[in-house]
PDB file of N, CA and C in Angstrom:
ATOM      1  N   MET A   1    -125.622-149.707  97.015  1.00  0.00           N
ATOM      2  CA  MET A   1    -126.132-148.813  96.072  1.00  0.00           C
ATOM      3  C   MET A   1    -127.657-149.069  96.798  1.00  0.00           C
ATOM      4  N   ILE A   2    -127.914-150.343  97.871  1.00  0.00           N
ATOM      5  CA  ILE A   2    -129.008-150.576  98.941  1.00  0.00           C
ATOM      6  C   ILE A   2    -128.599-149.537  99.703  1.00  0.00           C
ATOM      7  N   ARG A   3    -127.736-149.363  99.982  1.00  0.00           N
ATOM      8  CA  ARG A   3    -127.626-148.503 101.717  1.00  0.00           C
ATOM      9  C   ARG A   3    -127.852-146.923 100.749  1.00  0.00           C
ATOM     10  N   PHE A   4    -127.508-146.478  99.922  1.00  0.00           N
ATOM     11  CA  PHE A   4    -127.759-145.513  99.570  1.00  0.00           C
ATOM     12  C   PHE A   4    -129.373-145.632  99.230  1.00  0.00           C
ATOM     13  N   PHE A   5    -130.258-146.427  98.714  1.00  0.00           N
ATOM     14  CA  PHE A   5    -131.798-145.824  98.639  1.00  0.00           C
ATOM     15  C   PHE A   5    -132.856-145.940  99.929  1.00  0.00           C
ATOM     16  N   SER A   6    -131.948-146.610 100.530  1.00  0.00           N
ATOM     17  CA  SER A   6    -132.240-147.018 102.219  1.00  0.00           C
ATOM     18  C   SER A   6    -132.488-145.195 102.936  1.00  0.00           C
ATOM     19  N   LEU A   7    -131.171-144.651 102.641  1.00  0.00           N
ATOM     20  CA  LEU A   7    -130.777-143.278 103.286  1.00  0.00           C
ATOM     21  C   LEU A   7    -131.542-142.590 102.758  1.00  0.00           C
ATOM     22  N   LEU A   8    -131.962-142.334 101.295  1.00  0.00           N
ATOM     23  CA  LEU A   8    -132.646-141.738 100.236  1.00  0.00           C
ATOM     24  C   LEU A   8    -134.338-142.032 101.211  1.00  0.00           C
ATOM     25  N   PHE A   9    -134.331-143.094 100.950  1.00  0.00           N
ATOM     26  CA  PHE A   9    -135.832-143.384 101.882  1.00  0.00           C
ATOM     27  C   PHE A   9    -135.905-142.997 103.129  1.00  0.00           C
ATOM     28  N   LEU A  10    -135.192-142.966 103.889  1.00  0.00           N
ATOM     29  CA  LEU A  10    -135.670-142.546 105.273  1.00  0.00           C
ATOM     30  C   LEU A  10    -135.023-140.806 105.083  1.00  0.00           C
ATOM     31  N   ALA A  11    -134.757-140.145 104.629  1.00  0.00           N
ATOM     32  CA  ALA A  11    -134.183-138.715 104.201  1.00  0.00           C
ATOM     33  C   ALA A  11    -136.161-138.466 103.278  1.00  0.00           C
ATOM     34  N   ALA A  12    -136.452-139.112 102.854  1.00  0.00           N
ATOM     35  CA  ALA A  12    -137.957-139.063 102.076  1.00  0.00           C
ATOM     36  C   ALA A  12    -138.930-139.322 103.501  1.00  0.00           C
ATOM     37  N   LEU A  13    -138.899-139.838 104.320  1.00  0.00           N
ATOM     38  CA  LEU A  13    -139.894-140.164 105.665  1.00  0.00           C
ATOM     39  C   LEU A  13    -140.063-139.031 106.295  1.00  0.00           C
ATOM     40  N   LEU A  14    -138.459-138.630 106.580  1.00  0.00           N
ATOM     41  CA  LEU A  14    -138.232-137.944 107.696  1.00  0.00           C
ATOM     42  C   LEU A  14    -138.591-136.329 107.315  1.00  0.00           C
ATOM     43  N   THR A  15    -138.384-136.110 106.078  1.00  0.00           N
ATOM     44  CA  THR A  15    -139.496-134.908 105.517  1.00  0.00           C
ATOM     45  C   THR A  15    -140.933-134.929 105.355  1.00  0.00           C
ATOM     46  N   ALA A  16    -141.045-136.073 105.265  1.00  0.00           N
ATOM     47  CA  ALA A  16    -142.784-136.339 105.116  1.00  0.00           C
ATOM     48  C   ALA A  16    -143.728-135.936 106.843  1.00  0.00           C
ATOM     49  N   CYS A  17    -142.642-136.213 107.580  1.00  0.00           N
ATOM     50  CA  CYS A  17    -143.014-136.044 109.339  1.00  0.00           C
ATOM     51  C   CYS A  17    -143.312-134.355 109.643  1.00  0.00           C
ATOM     52  N   ASN A  18    -141.922-133.505 108.993  1.00  0.00           N
ATOM     53  CA  ASN A  18    -142.183-132.392 109.343  1.00  0.00           C
ATOM     54  C   ASN A  18    -143.339-131.442 108.367  1.00  0.00           C
ATOM     55  N   PRO A  19    -144.385-131.272 108.398  1.00  0.00           N
ATOM     56  CA  PRO A  19    -145.316-130.255 107.945  1.00  0.00           C
ATOM     57  C   PRO A  19    -144.673-128.888 107.947  1.00  0.00           C
ATOM     58  N   THR A  20    -145.068-128.172 106.642  1.00  0.00           N
ATOM     59  CA  THR A  20    -144.087-127.139 106.642  1.00  0.00           C
ATOM     60  C   THR A  20    -145.569-126.362 106.186  1.00  0.00           C
ATOM     61  N   ARG A  21    -145.671-124.585 107.152  1.00  0.00           N
ATOM     62  CA  ARG A  21    -146.422-124.000 107.118  1.00  0.00           C
ATOM     63  C   ARG A  21    -146.530-122.591 105.984  1.00  0.00           C
ATOM     64  N   TRP A  22    -147.224-122.078 105.535  1.00  0.00           N
ATOM     65  CA  TRP A  22    -147.045-120.646 104.905  1.00  0.00           C
ATOM     66  C   TRP A  22    -147.277-119.872 105.974  1.00  0.00           C
ATOM     67  N   VAL A  23    -146.238-118.499 106.501  1.00  0.00           N
ATOM     68  CA  VAL A  23    -146.702-117.993 107.707  1.00  0.00           C
ATOM     69  C   VAL A  23    -146.093-116.644 107.027  1.00  0.00           C
ATOM     70  N   ARG A  24    -146.985-115.323 107.867  1.00  0.00           N
ATOM     71  CA  ARG A  24    -146.784-113.611 107.680  1.00  0.00           C
ATOM     72  C   ARG A  24    -146.946-113.574 109.086  1.00  0.00           C
ATOM     73  N   PRO A  25    -145.552-112.651 109.077  1.00  0.00           N
ATOM     74  CA  PRO A  25    -146.006-112.114 110.643  1.00  0.00           C
ATOM     75  C   PRO A  25    -147.527-111.209 110.797  1.00  0.00           C
ATOM     76  N   ASP A  26    -147.943-110.806 109.825  1.00  0.00           N
ATOM     77  CA  ASP A  26    -149.539-110.101 110.680  1.00  0.00           C
ATOM     78  C   ASP A  26    -150.473-111.088 109.972  1.00  0.00           C
ATOM     79  N   ALA A  27    -150.381-112.192 109.735  1.00  0.00           N
ATOM     80  CA  ALA A  27    -151.296-112.799 109.739  1.00  0.00           C
ATOM     81  C   ALA A  27    -152.089-113.597 110.698  1.00  0.00           C
ATOM     82  N   THR A  28    -153.113-114.133 111.203  1.00  0.00           N
ATOM     83  CA  THR A  28    -153.481-114.744 112.113  1.00  0.00           C
ATOM     84  C   THR A  28    -153.816-116.270 111.364  1.00  0.00           C
ATOM     85  N   PRO A  29    -153.091-117.385 111.968  1.00  0.00           N
ATOM     86  CA  PRO A  29    -153.269-119.240 111.371  1.00  0.00           C
ATOM     87  C   PRO A  29    -154.373-119.189 110.674  1.00  0.00           C
ATOM     88  N   GLU A  30    -155.607-118.800 110.971  1.00  0.00           N
ATOM     89  CA  GLU A  30    -157.525-118.798 110.006  1.00  0.00           C
ATOM     90  C   GLU A  30    -156.499-117.866 109.030  1.00  0.00           C
ATOM     91  N   GLN A  31    -156.354-116.379 109.012  1.00  0.00           N
ATOM     92  CA  GLN A  31    -156.021-116.012 107.950  1.00  0.00           C
ATOM     93  C   GLN A  31    -155.185-116.947 106.634  1.00  0.00           C
ATOM     94  N   ALA A  32    -154.244-117.213 107.404  1.00  0.00           N
ATOM     95  CA  ALA A  32    -153.027-117.966 106.397  1.00  0.00           C
ATOM     96  C   ALA A  32    -154.108-119.391 105.845  1.00  0.00           C
ATOM     97  N   ASP A  33    -154.773-119.802 106.378  1.00  0.00           N
ATOM     98  CA  ASP A  33    -155.401-120.810 106.252  1.00  0.00           C
ATOM     99  C   ASP A  33    -156.436-120.441 104.740  1.00  0.00           C
ATOM    100  N   ARG A  34    -156.963-119.446 105.208  1.00  0.00           N
ATOM    101  CA  ARG A  34    -157.950-118.882 103.727  1.00  0.00           C
ATOM    102  C   ARG A  34    -157.250-118.568 103.105  1.00  0.00           C
ATOM    103  N   ASP A  35    -156.112-117.694 102.999  1.00  0.00           N
ATOM    104  CA  ASP A  35    -155.199-117.364 102.108  1.00  0.00           C
ATOM    105  C   ASP A  35    -155.161-118.803 101.350  1.00  0.00           C
ATOM    106  N   ASP A  36    -154.671-119.552 101.852  1.00  0.00           N
ATOM    107  CA  ASP A  36    -153.985-120.791 101.160  1.00  0.00           C
ATOM    108  C   ASP A  36    -154.949-121.085 100.493  1.00  0.00           C
ATOM    109  N   VAL A  37    -156.199-121.313 100.791  1.00  0.00           N
ATOM    110  CA  VAL A  37    -157.337-121.881 100.275  1.00  0.00           C
ATOM    111  C   VAL A  37    -157.454-121.622  98.697  1.00  0.00           C
ATOM    112  N   ASP A  38    -158.092-120.057  99.175  1.00  0.00           N
ATOM    113  CA  ASP A  38    -158.102-119.292  97.946  1.00  0.00           C
ATOM    114  C   ASP A  38    -156.981-119.823  96.794  1.00  0.00           C
ATOM    115  N   CYS A  39    -155.496-119.398  97.570  1.00  0.00           N
ATOM    116  CA  CYS A  39    -154.663-119.793  96.426  1.00  0.00           C
ATOM    117  C   CYS A  39    -154.856-120.919  95.657  1.00  0.00           C
ATOM    118  N   GLN A  40    -154.992-122.024  96.480  1.00  0.00           N
ATOM    119  CA  GLN A  40    -155.190-123.487  95.773  1.00  0.00           C
ATOM    120  C   GLN A  40    -156.415-123.707  94.591  1.00  0.00           C
ATOM    121  N   ARG A  41    -157.387-123.019  94.966  1.00  0.00           N
ATOM    122  CA  ARG A  41    -158.617-123.039  94.046  1.00  0.00           C
ATOM    123  C   ARG A  41    -158.197-121.772  93.008  1.00  0.00           C
ATOM    124  N   TRP A  42    -156.964-121.176  93.192  1.00  0.00           N
ATOM    125  CA  TRP A  42    -156.970-120.140  91.925  1.00  0.00           C
ATOM    126  C   TRP A  42    -155.964-120.883  91.258  1.00  0.00           C
ATOM    127  N   ALA A  43    -154.798-121.389  91.566  1.00  0.00           N
ATOM    128  CA  ALA A  43    -154.171-122.346  91.289  1.00  0.00           C
ATOM    129  C   ALA A  43    -154.733-123.575  90.119  1.00  0.00           C
ATOM    130  N   ALA A  44    -155.795-124.091  90.796  1.00  0.00           N
ATOM    131  CA  ALA A  44    -155.833-125.349  89.561  1.00  0.00           C
ATOM    132  C   ALA A  44    -156.509-125.029  88.978  1.00  0.00           C
ATOM    133  N   ARG A  45    -157.939-123.648  88.810  1.00  0.00           N
ATOM    134  CA  ARG A  45    -158.176-123.191  87.693  1.00  0.00           C
ATOM    135  C   ARG A  45    -157.109-122.837  86.710  1.00  0.00           C
ATOM    136  N   GLU A  46    -156.406-122.038  87.432  1.00  0.00           N
ATOM    137  CA  GLU A  46    -155.355-121.576  86.146  1.00  0.00           C
ATOM    138  C   GLU A  46    -154.495-123.080  85.428  1.00  0.00           C
ATOM    139  N   ALA A  47    -154.180-123.529  85.942  1.00  0.00           N
ATOM    140  CA  ALA A  47    -153.866-125.152  85.384  1.00  0.00           C
ATOM    141  C   ALA A  47    -154.917-125.587  84.763  1.00  0.00           C
ATOM    142  N   GLY A  48    -156.461-125.652  84.971  1.00  0.00           N
ATOM    143  CA  GLY A  48    -156.839-126.408  84.339  1.00  0.00           C
ATOM    144  C   GLY A  48    -157.658-125.617  82.882  1.00  0.00           C
ATOM    145  N   THR A  49    -157.610-124.176  83.103  1.00  0.00           N
ATOM    146  CA  THR A  49    -157.292-123.220  82.194  1.00  0.00           C
ATOM    147  C   THR A  49    -156.776-123.610  80.804  1.00  0.00           C
ATOM    148  N   ALA A  50    -155.268-123.922  81.246  1.00  0.00           N
ATOM    149  CA  ALA A  50    -154.074-124.239  80.551  1.00  0.00           C
ATOM    150  C   ALA A  50    -154.280-125.226  79.740  1.00  0.00           C
ATOM    151  N   ALA A  51    -154.674-126.272  80.551  1.00  0.00           N
ATOM    152  CA  ALA A  51    -154.848-127.371  80.454  1.00  0.00           C
ATOM    153  C   ALA A  51    -156.184-127.632  79.180  1.00  0.00           C
ATOM    154  N   PHE A  52    -157.101-127.036  79.427  1.00  0.00           N
ATOM    155  CA  PHE A  52    -158.343-127.158  78.377  1.00  0.00           C
ATOM    156  C   PHE A  52    -157.971-126.281  77.334  1.00  0.00           C
ATOM    157  N   TYR A  53    -157.063-125.311  77.286  1.00  0.00           N
ATOM    158  CA  TYR A  53    -156.931-124.726  76.002  1.00  0.00           C
ATOM    159  C   TYR A  53    -155.188-125.373  74.898  1.00  0.00           C
ATOM    160  N   GLY A  54    -155.246-126.552  75.731  1.00  0.00           N
ATOM    161  CA  GLY A  54    -153.754-127.370  74.973  1.00  0.00           C
ATOM    162  C   GLY A  54    -152.305-127.088  75.371  1.00  0.00           C
ATOM    163  N   ALA A  55    -152.274-126.406  76.659  1.00  0.00           N
ATOM    164  CA  ALA A  55    -150.950-126.190  76.888  1.00  0.00           C
ATOM    165  C   ALA A  55    -150.690-127.672  77.154  1.00  0.00           C
ATOM    166  N   TYR A  56    -150.926-128.260  77.479  1.00  0.00           N
ATOM    167  CA  TYR A  56    -150.416-129.597  78.282  1.00  0.00           C
ATOM    168  C   TYR A  56    -150.064-130.628  77.387  1.00  0.00           C
ATOM    169  N   ARG A  57    -150.965-130.072  75.992  1.00  0.00           N
ATOM    170  CA  ARG A  57    -150.768-131.408  74.669  1.00  0.00           C
ATOM    171  C   ARG A  57    -149.363-132.209  74.686  1.00  0.00           C
ATOM    172  N   TYR A  58    -148.496-131.750  74.989  1.00  0.00           N
ATOM    173  CA  TYR A  58    -147.179-133.057  74.377  1.00  0.00           C
ATOM    174  C   TYR A  58    -146.765-133.312  75.793  1.00  0.00           C
ATOM    175  N   GLY A  59    -147.224-133.357  76.830  1.00  0.00           N
ATOM    176  CA  GLY A  59    -146.713-133.985  77.814  1.00  0.00           C
ATOM    177  C   GLY A  59    -146.391-133.240  79.021  1.00  0.00           C
ATOM    178  N   GLY A  60    -147.172-131.908  78.879  1.00  0.00           N
ATOM    179  CA  GLY A  60    -146.942-131.018  80.085  1.00  0.00           C
ATOM    180  C   GLY A  60    -147.281-131.731  81.846  1.00  0.00           C
ATOM    181  N   TYR A  61    -146.747-130.738  82.718  1.00  0.00           N
ATOM    182  CA  TYR A  61    -146.984-131.711  83.954  1.00  0.00           C
ATOM    183  C   TYR A  61    -148.154-130.850  85.098  1.00  0.00           C
ATOM    184  N   ARG A  62    -149.054-131.068  84.650  1.00  0.00           N
ATOM    185  CA  ARG A  62    -150.452-129.986  85.894  1.00  0.00           C
ATOM    186  C   ARG A  62    -149.911-129.638  87.025  1.00  0.00           C
ATOM    187  N   VAL A  63    -150.062-131.380  87.774  1.00  0.00           N
ATOM    188  CA  VAL A  63    -149.578-131.058  89.296  1.00  0.00           C
ATOM    189  C   VAL A  63    -148.312-130.220  89.345  1.00  0.00           C
ATOM    190  N   ARG A  64    -147.529-130.557  88.669  1.00  0.00           N
ATOM    191  CA  ARG A  64    -146.486-129.776  88.978  1.00  0.00           C
ATOM    192  C   ARG A  64    -146.539-127.767  88.964  1.00  0.00           C
ATOM    193  N   ASP A  65    -147.272-127.778  87.744  1.00  0.00           N
ATOM    194  CA  ASP A  65    -146.933-126.386  86.955  1.00  0.00           C
ATOM    195  C   ASP A  65    -148.628-125.635  88.569  1.00  0.00           C
ATOM    196  N   GLU A  66    -149.470-126.462  88.488  1.00  0.00           N
ATOM    197  CA  GLU A  66    -150.369-126.080  89.689  1.00  0.00           C
ATOM    198  C   GLU A  66    -149.887-125.690  91.390  1.00  0.00           C
ATOM    199  N   ALA A  67    -148.605-126.637  91.801  1.00  0.00           N
ATOM    200  CA  ALA A  67    -147.801-126.298  93.081  1.00  0.00           C
ATOM    201  C   ALA A  67    -147.544-125.567  92.849  1.00  0.00           C
ATOM    202  N   GLY A  68    -146.827-124.980  91.671  1.00  0.00           N
ATOM    203  CA  GLY A  68    -145.943-123.764  90.999  1.00  0.00           C
ATOM    204  C   GLY A  68    -146.641-122.674  91.306  1.00  0.00           C
ATOM    205  N   LEU A  69    -147.433-122.346  90.591  1.00  0.00           N
ATOM    206  CA  LEU A  69    -148.731-121.200  90.930  1.00  0.00           C
ATOM    207  C   LEU A  69    -149.374-121.266  92.065  1.00  0.00           C
ATOM    208  N   HIS A  70    -149.410-121.818  92.610  1.00  0.00           N
ATOM    209  CA  HIS A  70    -149.816-122.205  94.408  1.00  0.00           C
ATOM    210  C   HIS A  70    -148.778-120.831  95.080  1.00  0.00           C
ATOM    211  N   ASN A  71    -147.172-121.559  94.958  1.00  0.00           N
ATOM    212  CA  ASN A  71    -146.484-120.710  96.040  1.00  0.00           C
ATOM    213  C   ASN A  71    -146.038-119.698  95.143  1.00  0.00           C
ATOM    214  N   MET A  72    -146.295-119.161  93.871  1.00  0.00           N
ATOM    215  CA  MET A  72    -146.532-118.161  93.745  1.00  0.00           C
ATOM    216  C   MET A  72    -147.130-117.023  93.927  1.00  0.00           C
ATOM    217  N   CYS A  73    -148.639-117.357  94.148  1.00  0.00           N
ATOM    218  CA  CYS A  73    -149.555-116.442  94.671  1.00  0.00           C
ATOM    219  C   CYS A  73    -149.806-116.687  96.449  1.00  0.00           C
ATOM    220  N   MET A  74    -149.139-117.794  97.047  1.00  0.00           N
ATOM    221  CA  MET A  74    -148.617-117.398  98.304  1.00  0.00           C
ATOM    222  C   MET A  74    -147.442-116.198  98.928  1.00  0.00           C
ATOM    223  N   ARG A  75    -146.694-116.296  97.881  1.00  0.00           N
ATOM    224  CA  ARG A  75    -146.022-115.219  97.824  1.00  0.00           C
ATOM    225  C   ARG A  75    -146.174-114.165  97.390  1.00  0.00           C
ATOM    226  N   ALA A  76    -146.995-113.656  96.408  1.00  0.00           N
ATOM    227  CA  ALA A  76    -147.311-112.881  96.307  1.00  0.00           C
ATOM    228  C   ALA A  76    -148.326-111.825  97.347  1.00  0.00           C
ATOM    229  N   LYS A  77    -149.011-112.446  98.011  1.00  0.00           N
ATOM    230  CA  LYS A  77    -149.432-112.116  99.661  1.00  0.00           C
ATOM    231  C   LYS A  77    -148.097-111.973 100.669  1.00  0.00           C
ATOM    232  N   GLY A  78    -147.708-112.349 100.572  1.00  0.00           N
ATOM    233  CA  GLY A  78    -146.774-111.935 101.487  1.00  0.00           C
ATOM    234  C   GLY A  78    -145.812-112.572 102.691  1.00  0.00           C
ATOM    235  N   TYR A  79    -146.661-114.267 101.672  1.00  0.00           N
ATOM    236  CA  TYR A  79    -145.989-115.635 102.795  1.00  0.00           C
ATOM    237  C   TYR A  79    -145.119-115.912 102.753  1.00  0.00           C
ATOM    238  N   GLU A  80    -144.650-116.773 103.564  1.00  0.00           N
ATOM    239  CA  GLU A  80    -142.975-117.462 103.249  1.00  0.00           C
ATOM    240  C   GLU A  80    -143.073-118.771 103.878  1.00  0.00           C
ATOM    241  N   ARG A  81    -142.623-119.988 103.499  1.00  0.00           N
ATOM    242  CA  ARG A  81    -142.781-121.032 103.893  1.00  0.00           C
ATOM    243  C   ARG A  81    -141.888-121.255 104.986  1.00  0.00           C
ATOM    244  N   GLN A  82    -142.678-122.409 106.094  1.00  0.00           N
ATOM    245  CA  GLN A  82    -142.047-122.487 107.529  1.00  0.00           C
ATOM    246  C   GLN A  82    -142.035-123.735 107.969  1.00  0.00           C
TER     247      GLN A  82
END
């Protein structure tokens, strides 16, 4: 059992060491960073609006929803994780 958790911890550490980026063939790194920030702001605003109107009244997961909205926004702009 300890070995399992040790391997799981090691896998988590290795994934954290390799940051992923959003890429699109026709976008410069600066444009990708601007789009990433725009999508983060939009996702935070949308998740905040849902929280304000009570969508999370019964134990919702705002952080998870915000991350999903951010991913959806970036994919809609044509980006893929790499």
